[in-house]
PDB file of N, CA and C in Angstrom:
ATOM      1  N   UNK A   1      79.427  71.783 114.087  1.00  0.00           N
ATOM      2  CA  UNK A   1      79.093  72.513 112.895  1.00  0.00           C
ATOM      3  C   UNK A   1      80.303  73.293 112.377  1.00  0.00           C
ATOM      4  N   UNK A   2      81.035  73.927 113.276  1.00  0.00           N
ATOM      5  CA  UNK A   2      82.197  74.713 112.883  1.00  0.00           C
ATOM      6  C   UNK A   2      83.266  73.868 112.221  1.00  0.00           C
ATOM      7  N   UNK A   3      83.491  72.674 112.728  1.00  0.00           N
ATOM      8  CA  UNK A   3      84.510  71.791 112.158  1.00  0.00           C
ATOM      9  C   UNK A   3      84.095  71.355 110.754  1.00  0.00           C
ATOM     10  N   UNK A   4      82.824  71.070 110.575  1.00  0.00           N
ATOM     11  CA  UNK A   4      82.323  70.658 109.262  1.00  0.00           C
ATOM     12  C   UNK A   4      82.473  71.804 108.264  1.00  0.00           C
ATOM     13  N   UNK A   5      82.131  73.009 108.684  1.00  0.00           N
ATOM     14  CA  UNK A   5      82.256  74.174 107.802  1.00  0.00           C
ATOM     15  C   UNK A   5      83.713  74.443 107.454  1.00  0.00           C
ATOM     16  N   UNK A   6      84.587  74.356 108.432  1.00  0.00           N
ATOM     17  CA  UNK A   6      86.014  74.593 108.179  1.00  0.00           C
ATOM     18  C   UNK A   6      86.584  73.534 107.241  1.00  0.00           C
ATOM     19  N   UNK A   7      86.212  72.300 107.444  1.00  0.00           N
ATOM     20  CA  UNK A   7      86.675  71.214 106.573  1.00  0.00           C
ATOM     21  C   UNK A   7      86.198  71.441 105.144  1.00  0.00           C
ATOM     22  N   UNK A   8      84.928  71.791 104.983  1.00  0.00           N
ATOM     23  CA  UNK A   8      84.379  72.044 103.645  1.00  0.00           C
ATOM     24  C   UNK A   8      85.109  73.215 102.974  1.00  0.00           C
ATOM     25  N   UNK A   9      85.386  74.255 103.741  1.00  0.00           N
ATOM     26  CA  UNK A   9      86.086  75.415 103.180  1.00  0.00           C
ATOM     27  C   UNK A   9      87.480  75.034 102.705  1.00  0.00           C
ATOM     28  N   UNK A  10      88.198  74.263 103.495  1.00  0.00           N
ATOM     29  CA  UNK A  10      89.550  73.856 103.109  1.00  0.00           C
ATOM     30  C   UNK A  10      89.548  72.886 101.936  1.00  0.00           C
ATOM     31  N   UNK A  11      88.574  71.991 101.899  1.00  0.00           N
ATOM     32  CA  UNK A  11      88.558  70.966 100.861  1.00  0.00           C
ATOM     33  C   UNK A  11      87.896  71.416  99.558  1.00  0.00           C
ATOM     34  N   UNK A  12      86.918  72.331  99.649  1.00  0.00           N
ATOM     35  CA  UNK A  12      86.145  72.675  98.455  1.00  0.00           C
ATOM     36  C   UNK A  12      86.027  74.176  98.213  1.00  0.00           C
ATOM     37  N   UNK A  13      86.780  74.980  98.950  1.00  0.00           N
ATOM     38  CA  UNK A  13      86.613  76.427  98.866  1.00  0.00           C
ATOM     39  C   UNK A  13      87.609  77.157  97.988  1.00  0.00           C
ATOM     40  N   UNK A  14      88.492  76.440  97.314  1.00  0.00           N
ATOM     41  CA  UNK A  14      89.545  77.119  96.551  1.00  0.00           C
ATOM     42  C   UNK A  14      88.977  77.993  95.432  1.00  0.00           C
ATOM     43  N   UNK A  15      87.994  77.490  94.683  1.00  0.00           N
ATOM     44  CA  UNK A  15      87.428  78.280  93.582  1.00  0.00           C
ATOM     45  C   UNK A  15      86.798  79.567  94.107  1.00  0.00           C
ATOM     46  N   UNK A  16      86.027  79.453  95.204  1.00  0.00           N
ATOM     47  CA  UNK A  16      85.409  80.646  95.802  1.00  0.00           C
ATOM     48  C   UNK A  16      86.496  81.621  96.252  1.00  0.00           C
ATOM     49  N   UNK A  17      87.532  81.103  96.906  1.00  0.00           N
ATOM     50  CA  UNK A  17      88.614  81.948  97.402  1.00  0.00           C
ATOM     51  C   UNK A  17      89.289  82.709  96.260  1.00  0.00           C
ATOM     52  N   UNK A  18      89.582  82.014  95.180  1.00  0.00           N
ATOM     53  CA  UNK A  18      90.245  82.663  94.042  1.00  0.00           C
ATOM     54  C   UNK A  18      89.356  83.730  93.416  1.00  0.00           C
ATOM     55  N   UNK A  19      88.059  83.446  93.323  1.00  0.00           N
ATOM     56  CA  UNK A  19      87.129  84.434  92.780  1.00  0.00           C
ATOM     57  C   UNK A  19      87.001  85.645  93.701  1.00  0.00           C
ATOM     58  N   UNK A  20      86.937  85.400  94.998  1.00  0.00           N
ATOM     59  CA  UNK A  20      86.837  86.508  95.964  1.00  0.00           C
ATOM     60  C   UNK A  20      88.093  87.374  95.912  1.00  0.00           C
ATOM     61  N   UNK A  21      89.248  86.737  95.836  1.00  0.00           N
ATOM     62  CA  UNK A  21      90.513  87.466  95.764  1.00  0.00           C
ATOM     63  C   UNK A  21      90.580  88.323  94.496  1.00  0.00           C
ATOM     64  N   UNK A  22      90.148  87.781  93.375  1.00  0.00           N
ATOM     65  CA  UNK A  22      90.148  88.532  92.117  1.00  0.00           C
ATOM     66  C   UNK A  22      89.175  89.708  92.187  1.00  0.00           C
ATOM     67  N   UNK A  23      88.006  89.498  92.779  1.00  0.00           N
ATOM     68  CA  UNK A  23      87.005  90.558  92.907  1.00  0.00           C
ATOM     69  C   UNK A  23      87.537  91.703  93.764  1.00  0.00           C
ATOM     70  N   UNK A  24      88.157  91.359  94.871  1.00  0.00           N
ATOM     71  CA  UNK A  24      88.708  92.384  95.761  1.00  0.00           C
ATOM     72  C   UNK A  24      89.827  93.143  95.062  1.00  0.00           C
ATOM     73  N   UNK A  25      90.679  92.437  94.322  1.00  0.00           N
ATOM     74  CA  UNK A  25      91.761  93.107  93.603  1.00  0.00           C
ATOM     75  C   UNK A  25      91.195  94.077  92.568  1.00  0.00           C
ATOM     76  N   UNK A  26      90.123  93.693  91.883  1.00  0.00           N
ATOM     77  CA  UNK A  26      89.475  94.593  90.925  1.00  0.00           C
ATOM     78  C   UNK A  26      88.885  95.806  91.642  1.00  0.00           C
ATOM     79  N   UNK A  27      88.347  95.610  92.828  1.00  0.00           N
ATOM     80  CA  UNK A  27      87.842  96.736  93.623  1.00  0.00           C
ATOM     81  C   UNK A  27      88.966  97.691  94.000  1.00  0.00           C
ATOM     82  N   UNK A  28      90.109  97.144  94.355  1.00  0.00           N
ATOM     83  CA  UNK A  28      91.261  97.983  94.707  1.00  0.00           C
ATOM     84  C   UNK A  28      91.675  98.829  93.500  1.00  0.00           C
ATOM     85  N   UNK A  29      91.776  98.196  92.331  1.00  0.00           N
ATOM     86  CA  UNK A  29      92.139  98.942  91.122  1.00  0.00           C
ATOM     87  C   UNK A  29      91.074  99.986  90.784  1.00  0.00           C
ATOM     88  N   UNK A  30      89.800  99.616  90.927  1.00  0.00           N
ATOM     89  CA  UNK A  30      88.707 100.553  90.669  1.00  0.00           C
ATOM     90  C   UNK A  30      88.825 101.779  91.577  1.00  0.00           C
ATOM     91  N   UNK A  31      89.007 101.540  92.878  1.00  0.00           N
ATOM     92  CA  UNK A  31      89.098 102.639  93.848  1.00  0.00           C
ATOM     93  C   UNK A  31      90.289 103.534  93.540  1.00  0.00           C
ATOM     94  N   UNK A  32      91.417 102.939  93.235  1.00  0.00           N
ATOM     95  CA  UNK A  32      92.625 103.710  92.924  1.00  0.00           C
ATOM     96  C   UNK A  32      92.390 104.602  91.703  1.00  0.00           C
ATOM     97  N   UNK A  33      91.835 104.047  90.649  1.00  0.00           N
ATOM     98  CA  UNK A  33      91.575 104.820  89.429  1.00  0.00           C
ATOM     99  C   UNK A  33      90.515 105.892  89.658  1.00  0.00           C
ATOM    100  N   UNK A  34      89.488 105.556  90.419  1.00  0.00           N
ATOM    101  CA  UNK A  34      88.404 106.490  90.711  1.00  0.00           C
ATOM    102  C   UNK A  34      88.938 107.708  91.467  1.00  0.00           C
ATOM    103  N   UNK A  35      89.735 107.451  92.482  1.00  0.00           N
ATOM    104  CA  UNK A  35      90.296 108.533  93.290  1.00  0.00           C
ATOM    105  C   UNK A  35      91.284 109.361  92.469  1.00  0.00           C
ATOM    106  N   UNK A  36      92.116 108.695  91.693  1.00  0.00           N
ATOM    107  CA  UNK A  36      93.097 109.415  90.867  1.00  0.00           C
ATOM    108  C   UNK A  36      92.393 110.381  89.914  1.00  0.00           C
ATOM    109  N   UNK A  37      91.269 109.957  89.339  1.00  0.00           N
ATOM    110  CA  UNK A  37      90.547 110.785  88.372  1.00  0.00           C
ATOM    111  C   UNK A  37      89.756 111.909  89.027  1.00  0.00           C
ATOM    112  N   UNK A  38      89.247 111.682  90.235  1.00  0.00           N
ATOM    113  CA  UNK A  38      88.321 112.645  90.840  1.00  0.00           C
ATOM    114  C   UNK A  38      88.861 113.390  92.056  1.00  0.00           C
ATOM    115  N   UNK A  39      89.881 112.843  92.669  1.00  0.00           N
ATOM    116  CA  UNK A  39      90.518 113.491  93.831  1.00  0.00           C
ATOM    117  C   UNK A  39      92.032 113.421  93.665  1.00  0.00           C
ATOM    118  N   UNK A  40      92.573 114.127  92.682  1.00  0.00           N
ATOM    119  CA  UNK A  40      94.005 113.983  92.380  1.00  0.00           C
ATOM    120  C   UNK A  40      94.933 114.412  93.517  1.00  0.00           C
ATOM    121  N   UNK A  41      94.431 115.177  94.469  1.00  0.00           N
ATOM    122  CA  UNK A  41      95.278 115.575  95.600  1.00  0.00           C
ATOM    123  C   UNK A  41      95.472 114.427  96.599  1.00  0.00           C
ATOM    124  N   UNK A  42      94.629 113.425  96.533  1.00  0.00           N
ATOM    125  CA  UNK A  42      94.716 112.296  97.457  1.00  0.00           C
ATOM    126  C   UNK A  42      95.612 111.216  96.850  1.00  0.00           C
ATOM    127  N   UNK A  43      96.621 110.833  97.605  1.00  0.00           N
ATOM    128  CA  UNK A  43      97.514 109.758  97.176  1.00  0.00           C
ATOM    129  C   UNK A  43      96.982 108.436  97.724  1.00  0.00           C
ATOM    130  N   UNK A  44      96.976 107.416  96.892  1.00  0.00           N
ATOM    131  CA  UNK A  44      96.479 106.098  97.280  1.00  0.00           C
ATOM    132  C   UNK A  44      97.648 105.154  97.466  1.00  0.00           C
ATOM    133  N   UNK A  45      97.673 104.487  98.606  1.00  0.00           N
ATOM    134  CA  UNK A  45      98.698 103.488  98.870  1.00  0.00           C
ATOM    135  C   UNK A  45      98.024 102.128  98.792  1.00  0.00           C
ATOM    136  N   UNK A  46      98.414 101.356  97.784  1.00  0.00           N
ATOM    137  CA  UNK A  46      97.830 100.036  97.557  1.00  0.00           C
ATOM    138  C   UNK A  46      98.461  99.047  98.532  1.00  0.00           C
ATOM    139  N   UNK A  47      97.641  98.235  99.165  1.00  0.00           N
ATOM    140  CA  UNK A  47      98.174  97.289 100.148  1.00  0.00           C
ATOM    141  C   UNK A  47      98.963  96.165  99.488  1.00  0.00           C
ATOM    142  N   UNK A  48      99.891  95.618 100.232  1.00  0.00           N
ATOM    143  CA  UNK A  48     100.675  94.492  99.732  1.00  0.00           C
ATOM    144  C   UNK A  48     100.047  93.158 100.117  1.00  0.00           C
ATOM    145  N   UNK A  49      99.235  93.157 101.153  1.00  0.00           N
ATOM    146  CA  UNK A  49      98.702  91.871 101.601  1.00  0.00           C
ATOM    147  C   UNK A  49      97.334  91.962 102.252  1.00  0.00           C
ATOM    148  N   UNK A  50      96.582  92.990 101.957  1.00  0.00           N
ATOM    149  CA  UNK A  50      95.243  93.085 102.538  1.00  0.00           C
ATOM    150  C   UNK A  50      94.320  93.780 101.552  1.00  0.00           C
ATOM    151  N   UNK A  51      93.137  94.095 102.005  1.00  0.00           N
ATOM    152  CA  UNK A  51      92.124  94.738 101.163  1.00  0.00           C
ATOM    153  C   UNK A  51      91.807  96.146 101.664  1.00  0.00           C
ATOM    154  N   UNK A  52      92.715  96.719 102.422  1.00  0.00           N
ATOM    155  CA  UNK A  52      92.518  98.046 102.994  1.00  0.00           C
ATOM    156  C   UNK A  52      93.449  99.053 102.313  1.00  0.00           C
ATOM    157  N   UNK A  53      92.869 100.013 101.607  1.00  0.00           N
ATOM    158  CA  UNK A  53      93.649 101.071 100.951  1.00  0.00           C
ATOM    159  C   UNK A  53      93.911 102.195 101.930  1.00  0.00           C
ATOM    160  N   UNK A  54      95.101 102.742 101.879  1.00  0.00           N
ATOM    161  CA  UNK A  54      95.424 103.940 102.640  1.00  0.00           C
ATOM    162  C   UNK A  54      95.257 105.143 101.727  1.00  0.00           C
ATOM    163  N   UNK A  55      94.524 106.140 102.189  1.00  0.00           N
ATOM    164  CA  UNK A  55      94.317 107.377 101.440  1.00  0.00           C
ATOM    165  C   UNK A  55      95.041 108.498 102.166  1.00  0.00           C
ATOM    166  N   UNK A  56      95.952 109.151 101.472  1.00  0.00           N
ATOM    167  CA  UNK A  56      96.773 110.208 102.045  1.00  0.00           C
ATOM    168  C   UNK A  56      96.200 111.566 101.639  1.00  0.00           C
ATOM    169  N   UNK A  57      95.628 112.274 102.601  1.00  0.00           N
ATOM    170  CA  UNK A  57      95.029 113.589 102.380  1.00  0.00           C
ATOM    171  C   UNK A  57      95.990 114.725 102.738  1.00  0.00           C
ATOM    172  N   UNK A  58      97.281 114.448 102.826  1.00  0.00           N
ATOM    173  CA  UNK A  58      98.268 115.445 103.248  1.00  0.00           C
ATOM    174  C   UNK A  58      98.296 116.687 102.364  1.00  0.00           C
ATOM    175  N   UNK A  59      97.917 116.546 101.111  1.00  0.00           N
ATOM    176  CA  UNK A  59      97.932 117.698 100.196  1.00  0.00           C
ATOM    177  C   UNK A  59      96.865 118.728 100.564  1.00  0.00           C
ATOM    178  N   UNK A  60      95.925 118.354 101.390  1.00  0.00           N
ATOM    179  CA  UNK A  60      94.921 119.303 101.883  1.00  0.00           C
ATOM    180  C   UNK A  60      95.513 120.024 103.094  1.00  0.00           C
ATOM    181  N   UNK A  61      96.473 120.890 102.819  1.00  0.00           N
ATOM    182  CA  UNK A  61      97.229 121.560 103.882  1.00  0.00           C
ATOM    183  C   UNK A  61      96.360 122.489 104.718  1.00  0.00           C
ATOM    184  N   UNK A  62      95.263 122.956 104.149  1.00  0.00           N
ATOM    185  CA  UNK A  62      94.375 123.868 104.870  1.00  0.00           C
ATOM    186  C   UNK A  62      93.489 123.145 105.885  1.00  0.00           C
ATOM    187  N   UNK A  63      93.488 121.819 105.853  1.00  0.00           N
ATOM    188  CA  UNK A  63      92.652 121.029 106.757  1.00  0.00           C
ATOM    189  C   UNK A  63      93.510 120.234 107.731  1.00  0.00           C
ATOM    190  N   UNK A  64      93.055 120.178 108.958  1.00  0.00           N
ATOM    191  CA  UNK A  64      93.721 119.323 109.946  1.00  0.00           C
ATOM    192  C   UNK A  64      93.219 117.890 109.772  1.00  0.00           C
ATOM    193  N   UNK A  65      93.897 116.983 110.412  1.00  0.00           N
ATOM    194  CA  UNK A  65      93.473 115.585 110.378  1.00  0.00           C
ATOM    195  C   UNK A  65      92.058 115.442 110.950  1.00  0.00           C
ATOM    196  N   UNK A  66      91.774 116.178 112.004  1.00  0.00           N
ATOM    197  CA  UNK A  66      90.434 116.142 112.607  1.00  0.00           C
ATOM    198  C   UNK A  66      89.376 116.662 111.647  1.00  0.00           C
ATOM    199  N   UNK A  67      89.696 117.723 110.919  1.00  0.00           N
ATOM    200  CA  UNK A  67      88.743 118.283 109.960  1.00  0.00           C
ATOM    201  C   UNK A  67      88.498 117.307 108.804  1.00  0.00           C
ATOM    202  N   UNK A  68      89.535 116.650 108.334  1.00  0.00           N
ATOM    203  CA  UNK A  68      89.387 115.664 107.267  1.00  0.00           C
ATOM    204  C   UNK A  68      88.476 114.541 107.737  1.00  0.00           C
ATOM    205  N   UNK A  69      88.748 114.031 108.922  1.00  0.00           N
ATOM    206  CA  UNK A  69      87.929 112.955 109.479  1.00  0.00           C
ATOM    207  C   UNK A  69      86.480 113.410 109.652  1.00  0.00           C
ATOM    208  N   UNK A  70      86.288 114.612 110.148  1.00  0.00           N
ATOM    209  CA  UNK A  70      84.946 115.178 110.366  1.00  0.00           C
ATOM    210  C   UNK A  70      84.183 115.280 109.042  1.00  0.00           C
ATOM    211  N   UNK A  71      84.840 115.749 107.992  1.00  0.00           N
ATOM    212  CA  UNK A  71      84.191 115.864 106.686  1.00  0.00           C
ATOM    213  C   UNK A  71      83.766 114.507 106.151  1.00  0.00           C
ATOM    214  N   UNK A  72      84.639 113.539 106.245  1.00  0.00           N
ATOM    215  CA  UNK A  72      84.331 112.210 105.717  1.00  0.00           C
ATOM    216  C   UNK A  72      83.204 111.560 106.513  1.00  0.00           C
ATOM    217  N   UNK A  73      83.289 111.668 107.813  1.00  0.00           N
ATOM    218  CA  UNK A  73      82.298 111.014 108.670  1.00  0.00           C
ATOM    219  C   UNK A  73      80.950 111.732 108.655  1.00  0.00           C
ATOM    220  N   UNK A  74      80.952 113.030 108.825  1.00  0.00           N
ATOM    221  CA  UNK A  74      79.691 113.747 109.037  1.00  0.00           C
ATOM    222  C   UNK A  74      79.101 114.418 107.800  1.00  0.00           C
ATOM    223  N   UNK A  75      79.930 114.737 106.817  1.00  0.00           N
ATOM    224  CA  UNK A  75      79.391 115.336 105.604  1.00  0.00           C
ATOM    225  C   UNK A  75      79.217 114.285 104.508  1.00  0.00           C
ATOM    226  N   UNK A  76      80.260 113.480 104.273  1.00  0.00           N
ATOM    227  CA  UNK A  76      80.154 112.429 103.262  1.00  0.00           C
ATOM    228  C   UNK A  76      79.339 111.245 103.781  1.00  0.00           C
ATOM    229  N   UNK A  77      79.231 111.144 105.096  1.00  0.00           N
ATOM    230  CA  UNK A  77      78.505 110.038 105.734  1.00  0.00           C
ATOM    231  C   UNK A  77      79.129 108.681 105.398  1.00  0.00           C
ATOM    232  N   UNK A  78      80.461 108.643 105.449  1.00  0.00           N
ATOM    233  CA  UNK A  78      81.225 107.415 105.225  1.00  0.00           C
ATOM    234  C   UNK A  78      82.123 107.219 106.441  1.00  0.00           C
ATOM    235  N   UNK A  79      82.152 106.019 106.943  1.00  0.00           N
ATOM    236  CA  UNK A  79      82.976 105.730 108.115  1.00  0.00           C
ATOM    237  C   UNK A  79      84.228 104.978 107.667  1.00  0.00           C
ATOM    238  N   UNK A  80      85.340 105.682 107.642  1.00  0.00           N
ATOM    239  CA  UNK A  80      86.637 105.084 107.339  1.00  0.00           C
ATOM    240  C   UNK A  80      87.434 104.988 108.631  1.00  0.00           C
ATOM    241  N   UNK A  81      88.577 104.336 108.565  1.00  0.00           N
ATOM    242  CA  UNK A  81      89.474 104.300 109.717  1.00  0.00           C
ATOM    243  C   UNK A  81      90.365 105.530 109.673  1.00  0.00           C
ATOM    244  N   UNK A  82      90.273 106.345 110.703  1.00  0.00           N
ATOM    245  CA  UNK A  82      91.150 107.514 110.833  1.00  0.00           C
ATOM    246  C   UNK A  82      92.571 107.012 111.061  1.00  0.00           C
ATOM    247  N   UNK A  83      93.491 107.452 110.231  1.00  0.00           N
ATOM    248  CA  UNK A  83      94.873 106.995 110.315  1.00  0.00           C
ATOM    249  C   UNK A  83      95.538 107.246 111.651  1.00  0.00           C
ATOM    250  N   UNK A  84      95.033 108.233 112.396  1.00  0.00           N
ATOM    251  CA  UNK A  84      95.646 108.534 113.700  1.00  0.00           C
ATOM    252  C   UNK A  84      95.479 107.388 114.681  1.00  0.00           C
ATOM    253  N   UNK A  85      94.568 106.459 114.393  1.00  0.00           N
ATOM    254  CA  UNK A  85      94.422 105.271 115.242  1.00  0.00           C
ATOM    255  C   UNK A  85      95.696 104.434 115.247  1.00  0.00           C
ATOM    256  N   UNK A  86      96.536 104.641 114.238  1.00  0.00           N
ATOM    257  CA  UNK A  86      97.733 103.833 114.055  1.00  0.00           C
ATOM    258  C   UNK A  86      99.008 104.583 114.420  1.00  0.00           C
ATOM    259  N   UNK A  87      98.869 105.734 115.058  1.00  0.00           N
ATOM    260  CA  UNK A  87     100.024 106.499 115.498  1.00  0.00           C
ATOM    261  C   UNK A  87     100.205 107.785 114.716  1.00  0.00           C
ATOM    262  N   UNK A  88     101.250 108.509 115.076  1.00  0.00           N
ATOM    263  CA  UNK A  88     101.534 109.814 114.451  1.00  0.00           C
ATOM    264  C   UNK A  88     101.707 109.723 112.939  1.00  0.00           C
ATOM    265  N   UNK A  89     102.244 108.607 112.470  1.00  0.00           N
ATOM    266  CA  UNK A  89     102.465 108.438 111.032  1.00  0.00           C
ATOM    267  C   UNK A  89     101.154 108.439 110.252  1.00  0.00           C
ATOM    268  N   UNK A  90     100.054 108.190 110.945  1.00  0.00           N
ATOM    269  CA  UNK A  90      98.744 108.133 110.307  1.00  0.00           C
ATOM    270  C   UNK A  90      98.055 109.473 110.164  1.00  0.00           C
ATOM    271  N   UNK A  91      98.709 110.540 110.599  1.00  0.00           N
ATOM    272  CA  UNK A  91      98.149 111.887 110.491  1.00  0.00           C
ATOM    273  C   UNK A  91      97.761 112.177 109.046  1.00  0.00           C
ATOM    274  N   UNK A  92      96.530 112.609 108.848  1.00  0.00           N
ATOM    275  CA  UNK A  92      95.952 112.959 107.539  1.00  0.00           C
ATOM    276  C   UNK A  92      95.758 111.764 106.608  1.00  0.00           C
ATOM    277  N   UNK A  93      95.784 110.563 107.154  1.00  0.00           N
ATOM    278  CA  UNK A  93      95.499 109.356 106.384  1.00  0.00           C
ATOM    279  C   UNK A  93      94.133 108.814 106.792  1.00  0.00           C
ATOM    280  N   UNK A  94      93.492 108.138 105.861  1.00  0.00           N
ATOM    281  CA  UNK A  94      92.264 107.408 106.100  1.00  0.00           C
ATOM    282  C   UNK A  94      92.443 106.035 105.461  1.00  0.00           C
ATOM    283  N   UNK A  95      91.750 105.055 106.010  1.00  0.00           N
ATOM    284  CA  UNK A  95      91.855 103.693 105.472  1.00  0.00           C
ATOM    285  C   UNK A  95      90.469 103.225 105.058  1.00  0.00           C
ATOM    286  N   UNK A  96      90.353 102.706 103.828  1.00  0.00           N
ATOM    287  CA  UNK A  96      89.065 102.260 103.296  1.00  0.00           C
ATOM    288  C   UNK A  96      89.126 100.769 102.964  1.00  0.00           C
ATOM    289  N   UNK A  97      88.054 100.076 103.275  1.00  0.00           N
ATOM    290  CA  UNK A  97      87.926  98.643 103.054  1.00  0.00           C
ATOM    291  C   UNK A  97      87.399  98.406 101.638  1.00  0.00           C
ATOM    292  N   UNK A  98      88.143  97.676 100.834  1.00  0.00           N
ATOM    293  CA  UNK A  98      87.728  97.377  99.453  1.00  0.00           C
ATOM    294  C   UNK A  98      87.114  95.990  99.310  1.00  0.00           C
ATOM    295  N   UNK A  99      86.979  95.265 100.398  1.00  0.00           N
ATOM    296  CA  UNK A  99      86.382  93.928 100.359  1.00  0.00           C
ATOM    297  C   UNK A  99      84.881  94.051 100.592  1.00  0.00           C
ATOM    298  N   UNK A 100      84.220  94.663  99.624  1.00  0.00           N
ATOM    299  CA  UNK A 100      82.782  94.884  99.700  1.00  0.00           C
ATOM    300  C   UNK A 100      82.223  94.866  98.287  1.00  0.00           C
ATOM    301  N   UNK A 101      80.931  94.974  98.171  1.00  0.00           N
ATOM    302  CA  UNK A 101      80.313  95.037  96.851  1.00  0.00           C
ATOM    303  C   UNK A 101      80.776  96.298  96.131  1.00  0.00           C
ATOM    304  N   UNK A 102      81.004  96.214  94.854  1.00  0.00           N
ATOM    305  CA  UNK A 102      81.477  97.360  94.069  1.00  0.00           C
ATOM    306  C   UNK A 102      80.532  98.540  94.203  1.00  0.00           C
ATOM    307  N   UNK A 103      79.234  98.298  94.224  1.00  0.00           N
ATOM    308  CA  UNK A 103      78.266  99.396  94.326  1.00  0.00           C
ATOM    309  C   UNK A 103      78.435 100.163  95.637  1.00  0.00           C
ATOM    310  N   UNK A 104      78.698  99.469  96.707  1.00  0.00           N
ATOM    311  CA  UNK A 104      78.901 100.121  98.005  1.00  0.00           C
ATOM    312  C   UNK A 104      80.193 100.930  97.985  1.00  0.00           C
ATOM    313  N   UNK A 105      81.250 100.348  97.446  1.00  0.00           N
ATOM    314  CA  UNK A 105      82.530 101.051  97.350  1.00  0.00           C
ATOM    315  C   UNK A 105      82.383 102.308  96.495  1.00  0.00           C
ATOM    316  N   UNK A 106      81.700 102.183  95.358  1.00  0.00           N
ATOM    317  CA  UNK A 106      81.515 103.327  94.466  1.00  0.00           C
ATOM    318  C   UNK A 106      80.715 104.431  95.151  1.00  0.00           C
ATOM    319  N   UNK A 107      79.669 104.064  95.866  1.00  0.00           N
ATOM    320  CA  UNK A 107      78.869 105.075  96.560  1.00  0.00           C
ATOM    321  C   UNK A 107      79.693 105.804  97.616  1.00  0.00           C
ATOM    322  N   UNK A 108      80.492 105.075  98.363  1.00  0.00           N
ATOM    323  CA  UNK A 108      81.348 105.699  99.379  1.00  0.00           C
ATOM    324  C   UNK A 108      82.335 106.667  98.727  1.00  0.00           C
ATOM    325  N   UNK A 109      82.951 106.230  97.642  1.00  0.00           N
ATOM    326  CA  UNK A 109      83.908 107.095  96.948  1.00  0.00           C
ATOM    327  C   UNK A 109      83.225 108.324  96.352  1.00  0.00           C
ATOM    328  N   UNK A 110      82.032 108.146  95.801  1.00  0.00           N
ATOM    329  CA  UNK A 110      81.285 109.291  95.262  1.00  0.00           C
ATOM    330  C   UNK A 110      81.002 110.323  96.343  1.00  0.00           C
ATOM    331  N   UNK A 111      80.575 109.854  97.507  1.00  0.00           N
ATOM    332  CA  UNK A 111      80.278 110.772  98.617  1.00  0.00           C
ATOM    333  C   UNK A 111      81.521 111.528  99.062  1.00  0.00           C
ATOM    334  N   UNK A 112      82.641 110.821  99.151  1.00  0.00           N
ATOM    335  CA  UNK A 112      83.892 111.465  99.567  1.00  0.00           C
ATOM    336  C   UNK A 112      84.308 112.504  98.519  1.00  0.00           C
ATOM    337  N   UNK A 113      84.229 112.135  97.247  1.00  0.00           N
ATOM    338  CA  UNK A 113      84.614 113.061  96.183  1.00  0.00           C
ATOM    339  C   UNK A 113      83.714 114.292  96.159  1.00  0.00           C
ATOM    340  N   UNK A 114      82.422 114.101  96.313  1.00  0.00           N
ATOM    341  CA  UNK A 114      81.505 115.247  96.362  1.00  0.00           C
ATOM    342  C   UNK A 114      81.839 116.172  97.520  1.00  0.00           C
ATOM    343  N   UNK A 115      82.199 115.593  98.636  1.00  0.00           N
ATOM    344  CA  UNK A 115      82.534 116.380  99.824  1.00  0.00           C
ATOM    345  C   UNK A 115      83.781 117.235  99.600  1.00  0.00           C
ATOM    346  N   UNK A 116      84.809 116.654  99.008  1.00  0.00           N
ATOM    347  CA  UNK A 116      86.069 117.368  98.854  1.00  0.00           C
ATOM    348  C   UNK A 116      86.127 118.206  97.576  1.00  0.00           C
ATOM    349  N   UNK A 117      85.195 118.015  96.673  1.00  0.00           N
ATOM    350  CA  UNK A 117      85.160 118.781  95.437  1.00  0.00           C
ATOM    351  C   UNK A 117      84.016 119.805  95.413  1.00  0.00           C
ATOM    352  N   UNK A 118      83.438 120.091  96.560  1.00  0.00           N
ATOM    353  CA  UNK A 118      82.285 121.003  96.612  1.00  0.00           C
ATOM    354  C   UNK A 118      82.669 122.313  96.088  1.00  0.00           C
TER     355      UNK A 118
END
């Protein structure tokens, strides 16, 4: 079954792939614009080859990396990747997946913005 599915994907999946890639790119642009408009202190780093945005919360000098993570996870109720998982350089960074339905991405961003703009 796996070989048949893989063959079909390689032989007939180009249109789906191109549409999925375009959708994800639009989600990335949406997230970047949404954050810029509603959380101007957060810097967005657009990926060069993936669908994961890096969010830099360094401008929130009054909050530690742990506090930022705690707010996002427990108050906004959104599970992002804590940048510290990737080493010291990830301090005060969070990573968000944009390869999802736009409605889910928008809801996650709304919750984060409400949390930091209270």
